[in-house]
Amino acid sequence: MAKSPAKKMTKKQTGRYVDAEVRGRITRRRPAGDDHSPYWYGWLILDLLAFGMIVILGNYLQVLPGSASAWYLALGLVTMFSGFYLATRYR
């Protein structure tokens, strides 16, 4: 197999005082707006945590229809864990 010809660097792409971004040594910064979660994201986290807590308390106080059930406990725990998971992704 024949080797492909090596790319020749121009004088502006090599040297001591060339910007590192031009040489490809570092990545460019992302815009500041990309680092933040949407405004509704925090409210969703709080809603999921509160709903899970209300379902679990309602289950133990036997306020929910069908008496105390393990399914209500599972529903409350799943919603609370999903709220905690979203909280780890919050920026």
PDB file of N, CA and C in Angstrom:
ATOM      1  N   MET A   1       0.822  -1.178   0.000  1.00  0.00           N
ATOM      2  CA  MET A   1       0.000   0.000   0.000  1.00  0.00           C
ATOM      3  C   MET A   1       0.868   1.245   0.000  1.00  0.00           C
ATOM      4  N   ALA A   2       0.426   2.178  -0.731  1.00  0.00           N
ATOM      5  CA  ALA A   2       1.161   3.441  -0.790  1.00  0.00           C
ATOM      6  C   ALA A   2       0.697   4.354   0.334  1.00  0.00           C
ATOM      7  N   LYS A   3       1.632   5.053   0.899  1.00  0.00           N
ATOM      8  CA  LYS A   3       1.297   5.992   1.956  1.00  0.00           C
ATOM      9  C   LYS A   3       0.667   7.239   1.354  1.00  0.00           C
ATOM     10  N   SER A   4      -0.288   7.766   2.084  1.00  0.00           N
ATOM     11  CA  SER A   4      -0.874   9.020   1.621  1.00  0.00           C
ATOM     12  C   SER A   4       0.118  10.140   1.908  1.00  0.00           C
ATOM     13  N   PRO A   5       0.126  11.124   1.064  1.00  0.00           N
ATOM     14  CA  PRO A   5       1.080  12.214   1.291  1.00  0.00           C
ATOM     15  C   PRO A   5       0.745  12.951   2.584  1.00  0.00           C
ATOM     16  N   ALA A   6       1.754  13.249   3.348  1.00  0.00           N
ATOM     17  CA  ALA A   6       1.571  13.934   4.624  1.00  0.00           C
ATOM     18  C   ALA A   6       1.098  15.358   4.374  1.00  0.00           C
ATOM     19  N   LYS A   7       0.215  15.814   5.252  1.00  0.00           N
ATOM     20  CA  LYS A   7      -0.262  17.185   5.122  1.00  0.00           C
ATOM     21  C   LYS A   7       0.856  18.133   5.502  1.00  0.00           C
ATOM     22  N   LYS A   8       1.041  19.110   4.688  1.00  0.00           N
ATOM     23  CA  LYS A   8       2.061  20.095   4.978  1.00  0.00           C
ATOM     24  C   LYS A   8       1.439  21.243   5.746  1.00  0.00           C
ATOM     25  N   MET A   9       2.016  21.561   6.846  1.00  0.00           N
ATOM     26  CA  MET A   9       1.515  22.643   7.668  1.00  0.00           C
ATOM     27  C   MET A   9       2.025  23.958   7.108  1.00  0.00           C
ATOM     28  N   THR A  10       1.153  24.925   7.005  1.00  0.00           N
ATOM     29  CA  THR A  10       1.592  26.239   6.575  1.00  0.00           C
ATOM     30  C   THR A  10       2.236  26.949   7.740  1.00  0.00           C
ATOM     31  N   LYS A  11       2.882  28.010   7.450  1.00  0.00           N
ATOM     32  CA  LYS A  11       3.614  28.714   8.490  1.00  0.00           C
ATOM     33  C   LYS A  11       2.673  29.287   9.556  1.00  0.00           C
ATOM     34  N   LYS A  12       1.466  29.639   9.177  1.00  0.00           N
ATOM     35  CA  LYS A  12       0.525  30.211  10.141  1.00  0.00           C
ATOM     36  C   LYS A  12      -0.043  29.152  11.085  1.00  0.00           C
ATOM     37  N   GLN A  13       0.060  27.871  10.738  1.00  0.00           N
ATOM     38  CA  GLN A  13      -0.478  26.823  11.588  1.00  0.00           C
ATOM     39  C   GLN A  13       0.570  26.217  12.506  1.00  0.00           C
ATOM     40  N   THR A  14       1.795  26.557  12.349  1.00  0.00           N
ATOM     41  CA  THR A  14       2.853  26.041  13.214  1.00  0.00           C
ATOM     42  C   THR A  14       3.643  27.200  13.787  1.00  0.00           C
ATOM     43  N   GLY A  15       4.375  26.912  14.822  1.00  0.00           N
ATOM     44  CA  GLY A  15       5.228  27.942  15.393  1.00  0.00           C
ATOM     45  C   GLY A  15       4.899  28.175  16.849  1.00  0.00           C
ATOM     46  N   ARG A  16       5.683  29.016  17.456  1.00  0.00           N
ATOM     47  CA  ARG A  16       5.585  29.236  18.880  1.00  0.00           C
ATOM     48  C   ARG A  16       4.410  30.125  19.266  1.00  0.00           C
ATOM     49  N   TYR A  17       4.086  31.101  18.466  1.00  0.00           N
ATOM     50  CA  TYR A  17       3.092  32.092  18.852  1.00  0.00           C
ATOM     51  C   TYR A  17       1.754  31.903  18.143  1.00  0.00           C
ATOM     52  N   VAL A  18       1.490  30.687  17.713  1.00  0.00           N
ATOM     53  CA  VAL A  18       0.216  30.397  17.070  1.00  0.00           C
ATOM     54  C   VAL A  18      -0.797  30.043  18.151  1.00  0.00           C
ATOM     55  N   ASP A  19      -2.015  30.541  17.975  1.00  0.00           N
ATOM     56  CA  ASP A  19      -3.075  30.281  18.943  1.00  0.00           C
ATOM     57  C   ASP A  19      -3.334  28.780  19.046  1.00  0.00           C
ATOM     58  N   ALA A  20      -3.586  28.297  20.245  1.00  0.00           N
ATOM     59  CA  ALA A  20      -3.779  26.862  20.463  1.00  0.00           C
ATOM     60  C   ALA A  20      -5.036  26.346  19.774  1.00  0.00           C
ATOM     61  N   GLU A  21      -6.059  27.195  19.639  1.00  0.00           N
ATOM     62  CA  GLU A  21      -7.278  26.761  18.960  1.00  0.00           C
ATOM     63  C   GLU A  21      -7.030  26.529  17.476  1.00  0.00           C
ATOM     64  N   VAL A  22      -6.159  27.313  16.901  1.00  0.00           N
ATOM     65  CA  VAL A  22      -5.849  27.146  15.470  1.00  0.00           C
ATOM     66  C   VAL A  22      -5.124  25.829  15.246  1.00  0.00           C
ATOM     67  N   ARG A  23      -4.246  25.482  16.158  1.00  0.00           N
ATOM     68  CA  ARG A  23      -3.506  24.224  16.026  1.00  0.00           C
ATOM     69  C   ARG A  23      -4.363  23.011  16.371  1.00  0.00           C
ATOM     70  N   GLY A  24      -5.489  23.226  17.008  1.00  0.00           N
ATOM     71  CA  GLY A  24      -6.357  22.118  17.378  1.00  0.00           C
ATOM     72  C   GLY A  24      -5.975  21.479  18.698  1.00  0.00           C
ATOM     73  N   ARG A  25      -5.253  22.187  19.522  1.00  0.00           N
ATOM     74  CA  ARG A  25      -4.811  21.626  20.797  1.00  0.00           C
ATOM     75  C   ARG A  25      -5.908  21.648  21.861  1.00  0.00           C
ATOM     76  N   ILE A  26      -6.772  22.622  21.822  1.00  0.00           N
ATOM     77  CA  ILE A  26      -7.837  22.712  22.814  1.00  0.00           C
ATOM     78  C   ILE A  26      -9.168  22.858  22.099  1.00  0.00           C
ATOM     79  N   THR A  27     -10.231  22.551  22.808  1.00  0.00           N
ATOM     80  CA  THR A  27     -11.557  22.719  22.227  1.00  0.00           C
ATOM     81  C   THR A  27     -12.089  24.091  22.591  1.00  0.00           C
ATOM     82  N   ARG A  28     -12.975  24.568  21.783  1.00  0.00           N
ATOM     83  CA  ARG A  28     -13.543  25.885  22.032  1.00  0.00           C
ATOM     84  C   ARG A  28     -14.579  25.800  23.140  1.00  0.00           C
ATOM     85  N   ARG A  29     -14.772  26.904  23.826  1.00  0.00           N
ATOM     86  CA  ARG A  29     -15.747  26.957  24.905  1.00  0.00           C
ATOM     87  C   ARG A  29     -17.155  26.932  24.344  1.00  0.00           C
ATOM     88  N   ARG A  30     -18.031  26.300  25.115  1.00  0.00           N
ATOM     89  CA  ARG A  30     -19.437  26.295  24.739  1.00  0.00           C
ATOM     90  C   ARG A  30     -20.073  27.592  25.195  1.00  0.00           C
ATOM     91  N   PRO A  31     -21.135  28.012  24.532  1.00  0.00           N
ATOM     92  CA  PRO A  31     -21.831  29.220  25.002  1.00  0.00           C
ATOM     93  C   PRO A  31     -22.377  29.024  26.410  1.00  0.00           C
ATOM     94  N   ALA A  32     -22.459  30.104  27.151  1.00  0.00           N
ATOM     95  CA  ALA A  32     -22.886  30.026  28.551  1.00  0.00           C
ATOM     96  C   ALA A  32     -24.330  29.564  28.677  1.00  0.00           C
ATOM     97  N   GLY A  33     -25.170  29.837  27.697  1.00  0.00           N
ATOM     98  CA  GLY A  33     -26.571  29.435  27.762  1.00  0.00           C
ATOM     99  C   GLY A  33     -26.770  27.934  27.670  1.00  0.00           C
ATOM    100  N   ASP A  34     -25.791  27.203  27.164  1.00  0.00           N
ATOM    101  CA  ASP A  34     -25.918  25.758  27.041  1.00  0.00           C
ATOM    102  C   ASP A  34     -25.716  25.028  28.363  1.00  0.00           C
ATOM    103  N   ASP A  35     -25.201  25.713  29.371  1.00  0.00           N
ATOM    104  CA  ASP A  35     -24.871  25.065  30.638  1.00  0.00           C
ATOM    105  C   ASP A  35     -26.029  25.037  31.624  1.00  0.00           C
ATOM    106  N   HIS A  36     -27.132  25.686  31.312  1.00  0.00           N
ATOM    107  CA  HIS A  36     -28.215  25.797  32.279  1.00  0.00           C
ATOM    108  C   HIS A  36     -29.407  24.940  31.868  1.00  0.00           C
ATOM    109  N   SER A  37     -30.070  24.391  32.866  1.00  0.00           N
ATOM    110  CA  SER A  37     -31.296  23.634  32.632  1.00  0.00           C
ATOM    111  C   SER A  37     -32.435  24.611  32.383  1.00  0.00           C
ATOM    112  N   PRO A  38     -33.504  24.162  31.730  1.00  0.00           N
ATOM    113  CA  PRO A  38     -34.659  25.040  31.542  1.00  0.00           C
ATOM    114  C   PRO A  38     -35.285  25.418  32.884  1.00  0.00           C
ATOM    115  N   TYR A  39     -36.028  26.507  32.893  1.00  0.00           N
ATOM    116  CA  TYR A  39     -36.579  27.009  34.150  1.00  0.00           C
ATOM    117  C   TYR A  39     -37.567  26.032  34.784  1.00  0.00           C
ATOM    118  N   TRP A  40     -38.256  25.236  33.992  1.00  0.00           N
ATOM    119  CA  TRP A  40     -39.264  24.319  34.512  1.00  0.00           C
ATOM    120  C   TRP A  40     -38.654  23.052  35.097  1.00  0.00           C
ATOM    121  N   TYR A  41     -37.384  22.826  34.868  1.00  0.00           N
ATOM    122  CA  TYR A  41     -36.737  21.592  35.294  1.00  0.00           C
ATOM    123  C   TYR A  41     -36.706  21.468  36.817  1.00  0.00           C
ATOM    124  N   GLY A  42     -36.404  22.551  37.495  1.00  0.00           N
ATOM    125  CA  GLY A  42     -36.378  22.534  38.958  1.00  0.00           C
ATOM    126  C   GLY A  42     -37.755  22.286  39.555  1.00  0.00           C
ATOM    127  N   TRP A  43     -38.768  22.878  38.936  1.00  0.00           N
ATOM    128  CA  TRP A  43     -40.130  22.651  39.410  1.00  0.00           C
ATOM    129  C   TRP A  43     -40.554  21.211  39.215  1.00  0.00           C
ATOM    130  N   LEU A  44     -40.124  20.595  38.120  1.00  0.00           N
ATOM    131  CA  LEU A  44     -40.445  19.188  37.887  1.00  0.00           C
ATOM    132  C   LEU A  44     -39.824  18.303  38.967  1.00  0.00           C
ATOM    133  N   ILE A  45     -38.597  18.613  39.344  1.00  0.00           N
ATOM    134  CA  ILE A  45     -37.929  17.854  40.407  1.00  0.00           C
ATOM    135  C   ILE A  45     -38.711  17.964  41.719  1.00  0.00           C
ATOM    136  N   LEU A  46     -39.073  19.186  42.078  1.00  0.00           N
ATOM    137  CA  LEU A  46     -39.817  19.388  43.328  1.00  0.00           C
ATOM    138  C   LEU A  46     -41.189  18.720  43.284  1.00  0.00           C
ATOM    139  N   ASP A  47     -41.853  18.781  42.129  1.00  0.00           N
ATOM    140  CA  ASP A  47     -43.167  18.141  42.003  1.00  0.00           C
ATOM    141  C   ASP A  47     -43.072  16.629  42.162  1.00  0.00           C
ATOM    142  N   LEU A  48     -42.070  16.022  41.539  1.00  0.00           N
ATOM    143  CA  LEU A  48     -41.926  14.567  41.653  1.00  0.00           C
ATOM    144  C   LEU A  48     -41.621  14.144  43.083  1.00  0.00           C
ATOM    145  N   LEU A  49     -40.764  14.883  43.757  1.00  0.00           N
ATOM    146  CA  LEU A  49     -40.439  14.548  45.144  1.00  0.00           C
ATOM    147  C   LEU A  49     -41.653  14.718  46.056  1.00  0.00           C
ATOM    148  N   ALA A  50     -42.380  15.815  45.856  1.00  0.00           N
ATOM    149  CA  ALA A  50     -43.553  16.055  46.699  1.00  0.00           C
ATOM    150  C   ALA A  50     -44.652  15.032  46.422  1.00  0.00           C
ATOM    151  N   PHE A  51     -44.892  14.700  45.152  1.00  0.00           N
ATOM    152  CA  PHE A  51     -45.924  13.715  44.823  1.00  0.00           C
ATOM    153  C   PHE A  51     -45.587  12.353  45.419  1.00  0.00           C
ATOM    154  N   GLY A  52     -44.329  11.953  45.325  1.00  0.00           N
ATOM    155  CA  GLY A  52     -43.925  10.675  45.907  1.00  0.00           C
ATOM    156  C   GLY A  52     -44.123  10.633  47.406  1.00  0.00           C
ATOM    157  N   MET A  53     -43.791  11.743  48.063  1.00  0.00           N
ATOM    158  CA  MET A  53     -43.962  11.800  49.509  1.00  0.00           C
ATOM    159  C   MET A  53     -45.438  11.770  49.887  1.00  0.00           C
ATOM    160  N   ILE A  54     -46.274  12.467  49.138  1.00  0.00           N
ATOM    161  CA  ILE A  54     -47.711  12.488  49.429  1.00  0.00           C
ATOM    162  C   ILE A  54     -48.328  11.107  49.227  1.00  0.00           C
ATOM    163  N   VAL A  55     -47.907  10.406  48.177  1.00  0.00           N
ATOM    164  CA  VAL A  55     -48.451   9.067  47.927  1.00  0.00           C
ATOM    165  C   VAL A  55     -48.050   8.102  49.043  1.00  0.00           C
ATOM    166  N   ILE A  56     -46.810   8.172  49.481  1.00  0.00           N
ATOM    167  CA  ILE A  56     -46.355   7.276  50.556  1.00  0.00           C
ATOM    168  C   ILE A  56     -47.074   7.600  51.861  1.00  0.00           C
ATOM    169  N   LEU A  57     -47.202   8.880  52.194  1.00  0.00           N
ATOM    170  CA  LEU A  57     -47.922   9.251  53.419  1.00  0.00           C
ATOM    171  C   LEU A  57     -49.398   8.871  53.333  1.00  0.00           C
ATOM    172  N   GLY A  58     -49.996   9.084  52.177  1.00  0.00           N
ATOM    173  CA  GLY A  58     -51.398   8.695  52.004  1.00  0.00           C
ATOM    174  C   GLY A  58     -51.598   7.199  52.122  1.00  0.00           C
ATOM    175  N   ASN A  59     -50.608   6.438  51.674  1.00  0.00           N
ATOM    176  CA  ASN A  59     -50.684   4.983  51.796  1.00  0.00           C
ATOM    177  C   ASN A  59     -50.660   4.563  53.267  1.00  0.00           C
ATOM    178  N   TYR A  60     -49.751   5.131  54.038  1.00  0.00           N
ATOM    179  CA  TYR A  60     -49.645   4.715  55.438  1.00  0.00           C
ATOM    180  C   TYR A  60     -50.773   5.259  56.301  1.00  0.00           C
ATOM    181  N   LEU A  61     -51.370   6.372  55.892  1.00  0.00           N
ATOM    182  CA  LEU A  61     -52.516   6.901  56.623  1.00  0.00           C
ATOM    183  C   LEU A  61     -53.822   6.281  56.138  1.00  0.00           C
ATOM    184  N   GLN A  62     -53.757   5.424  55.143  1.00  0.00           N
ATOM    185  CA  GLN A  62     -54.889   4.715  54.552  1.00  0.00           C
ATOM    186  C   GLN A  62     -55.967   5.674  54.049  1.00  0.00           C
ATOM    187  N   VAL A  63     -55.523   6.726  53.406  1.00  0.00           N
ATOM    188  CA  VAL A  63     -56.418   7.714  52.827  1.00  0.00           C
ATOM    189  C   VAL A  63     -56.709   7.374  51.371  1.00  0.00           C
ATOM    190  N   LEU A  64     -55.819   6.678  50.720  1.00  0.00           N
ATOM    191  CA  LEU A  64     -55.968   6.339  49.301  1.00  0.00           C
ATOM    192  C   LEU A  64     -56.972   5.206  49.131  1.00  0.00           C
ATOM    193  N   PRO A  65     -57.653   5.155  47.995  1.00  0.00           N
ATOM    194  CA  PRO A  65     -58.637   4.079  47.782  1.00  0.00           C
ATOM    195  C   PRO A  65     -57.966   2.716  47.713  1.00  0.00           C
ATOM    196  N   GLY A  66     -58.632   1.711  48.217  1.00  0.00           N
ATOM    197  CA  GLY A  66     -58.094   0.361  48.180  1.00  0.00           C
ATOM    198  C   GLY A  66     -57.254   0.017  49.384  1.00  0.00           C
ATOM    199  N   SER A  67     -57.326   0.814  50.434  1.00  0.00           N
ATOM    200  CA  SER A  67     -56.585   0.542  51.659  1.00  0.00           C
ATOM    201  C   SER A  67     -55.080   0.624  51.397  1.00  0.00           C
ATOM    202  N   ALA A  68     -54.277   0.181  52.344  1.00  0.00           N
ATOM    203  CA  ALA A  68     -52.822   0.217  52.195  1.00  0.00           C
ATOM    204  C   ALA A  68     -52.388  -0.863  51.207  1.00  0.00           C
ATOM    205  N   SER A  69     -51.513  -0.480  50.289  1.00  0.00           N
ATOM    206  CA  SER A  69     -51.089  -1.410  49.255  1.00  0.00           C
ATOM    207  C   SER A  69     -49.607  -1.206  48.960  1.00  0.00           C
ATOM    208  N   ALA A  70     -48.967  -2.281  48.609  1.00  0.00           N
ATOM    209  CA  ALA A  70     -47.554  -2.186  48.243  1.00  0.00           C
ATOM    210  C   ALA A  70     -47.373  -1.438  46.927  1.00  0.00           C
ATOM    211  N   TRP A  71     -48.395  -1.411  46.087  1.00  0.00           N
ATOM    212  CA  TRP A  71     -48.299  -0.712  44.802  1.00  0.00           C
ATOM    213  C   TRP A  71     -48.215   0.794  44.998  1.00  0.00           C
ATOM    214  N   TYR A  72     -48.937   1.317  45.996  1.00  0.00           N
ATOM    215  CA  TYR A  72     -48.826   2.742  46.298  1.00  0.00           C
ATOM    216  C   TYR A  72     -47.427   3.082  46.796  1.00  0.00           C
ATOM    217  N   LEU A  73     -46.878   2.204  47.605  1.00  0.00           N
ATOM    218  CA  LEU A  73     -45.514   2.413  48.087  1.00  0.00           C
ATOM    219  C   LEU A  73     -44.531   2.397  46.917  1.00  0.00           C
ATOM    220  N   ALA A  74     -44.703   1.459  45.996  1.00  0.00           N
ATOM    221  CA  ALA A  74     -43.825   1.381  44.828  1.00  0.00           C
ATOM    222  C   ALA A  74     -43.969   2.623  43.957  1.00  0.00           C
ATOM    223  N   LEU A  75     -45.202   3.101  43.757  1.00  0.00           N
ATOM    224  CA  LEU A  75     -45.424   4.306  42.961  1.00  0.00           C
ATOM    225  C   LEU A  75     -44.735   5.508  43.591  1.00  0.00           C
ATOM    226  N   GLY A  76     -44.875   5.656  44.900  1.00  0.00           N
ATOM    227  CA  GLY A  76     -44.235   6.771  45.585  1.00  0.00           C
ATOM    228  C   GLY A  76     -42.721   6.707  45.511  1.00  0.00           C
ATOM    229  N   LEU A  77     -42.166   5.512  45.690  1.00  0.00           N
ATOM    230  CA  LEU A  77     -40.706   5.381  45.633  1.00  0.00           C
ATOM    231  C   LEU A  77     -40.160   5.624  44.229  1.00  0.00           C
ATOM    232  N   VAL A  78     -40.864   5.139  43.220  1.00  0.00           N
ATOM    233  CA  VAL A  78     -40.408   5.348  41.829  1.00  0.00           C
ATOM    234  C   VAL A  78     -40.421   6.828  41.474  1.00  0.00           C
ATOM    235  N   THR A  79     -41.477   7.540  41.868  1.00  0.00           N
ATOM    236  CA  THR A  79     -41.511   8.967  41.561  1.00  0.00           C
ATOM    237  C   THR A  79     -40.442   9.735  42.332  1.00  0.00           C
ATOM    238  N   MET A  80     -40.201   9.351  43.569  1.00  0.00           N
ATOM    239  CA  MET A  80     -39.150  10.038  44.327  1.00  0.00           C
ATOM    240  C   MET A  80     -37.761   9.741  43.761  1.00  0.00           C
ATOM    241  N   PHE A  81     -37.518   8.496  43.373  1.00  0.00           N
ATOM    242  CA  PHE A  81     -36.218   8.170  42.778  1.00  0.00           C
ATOM    243  C   PHE A  81     -36.031   8.868  41.448  1.00  0.00           C
ATOM    244  N   SER A  82     -37.101   9.015  40.682  1.00  0.00           N
ATOM    245  CA  SER A  82     -36.966   9.744  39.418  1.00  0.00           C
ATOM    246  C   SER A  82     -36.679  11.221  39.683  1.00  0.00           C
ATOM    247  N   GLY A  83     -37.253  11.770  40.743  1.00  0.00           N
ATOM    248  CA  GLY A  83     -36.930  13.149  41.125  1.00  0.00           C
ATOM    249  C   GLY A  83     -35.480  13.297  41.541  1.00  0.00           C
ATOM    250  N   PHE A  84     -34.964  12.327  42.291  1.00  0.00           N
ATOM    251  CA  PHE A  84     -33.546  12.362  42.673  1.00  0.00           C
ATOM    252  C   PHE A  84     -32.635  12.209  41.450  1.00  0.00           C
ATOM    253  N   TYR A  85     -33.034  11.358  40.522  1.00  0.00           N
ATOM    254  CA  TYR A  85     -32.239  11.182  39.304  1.00  0.00           C
ATOM    255  C   TYR A  85     -32.183  12.474  38.496  1.00  0.00           C
ATOM    256  N   LEU A  86     -33.323  13.147  38.364  1.00  0.00           N
ATOM    257  CA  LEU A  86     -33.320  14.413  37.634  1.00  0.00           C
ATOM    258  C   LEU A  86     -32.514  15.472  38.371  1.00  0.00           C
ATOM    259  N   ALA A  87     -32.506  15.404  39.702  1.00  0.00           N
ATOM    260  CA  ALA A  87     -31.737  16.372  40.477  1.00  0.00           C
ATOM    261  C   ALA A  87     -30.241  16.226  40.235  1.00  0.00           C
ATOM    262  N   THR A  88     -29.785  15.017  39.938  1.00  0.00           N
ATOM    263  CA  THR A  88     -28.354  14.850  39.649  1.00  0.00           C
ATOM    264  C   THR A  88     -27.990  15.424  38.295  1.00  0.00           C
ATOM    265  N   ARG A  89     -28.955  15.597  37.395  1.00  0.00           N
ATOM    266  CA  ARG A  89     -28.719  16.161  36.069  1.00  0.00           C
ATOM    267  C   ARG A  89     -28.956  17.667  36.005  1.00  0.00           C
ATOM    268  N   TYR A  90     -29.352  18.262  37.103  1.00  0.00           N
ATOM    269  CA  TYR A  90     -29.680  19.691  37.128  1.00  0.00           C
ATOM    270  C   TYR A  90     -28.414  20.524  37.025  1.00  0.00           C
ATOM    271  N   ARG A  91     -28.480  21.568  36.209  1.00  0.00           N
ATOM    272  CA  ARG A  91     -27.341  22.493  36.067  1.00  0.00           C
ATOM    273  C   ARG A  91     -27.767  23.895  36.371  1.00  0.00           C
TER     274      ARG A  91
END
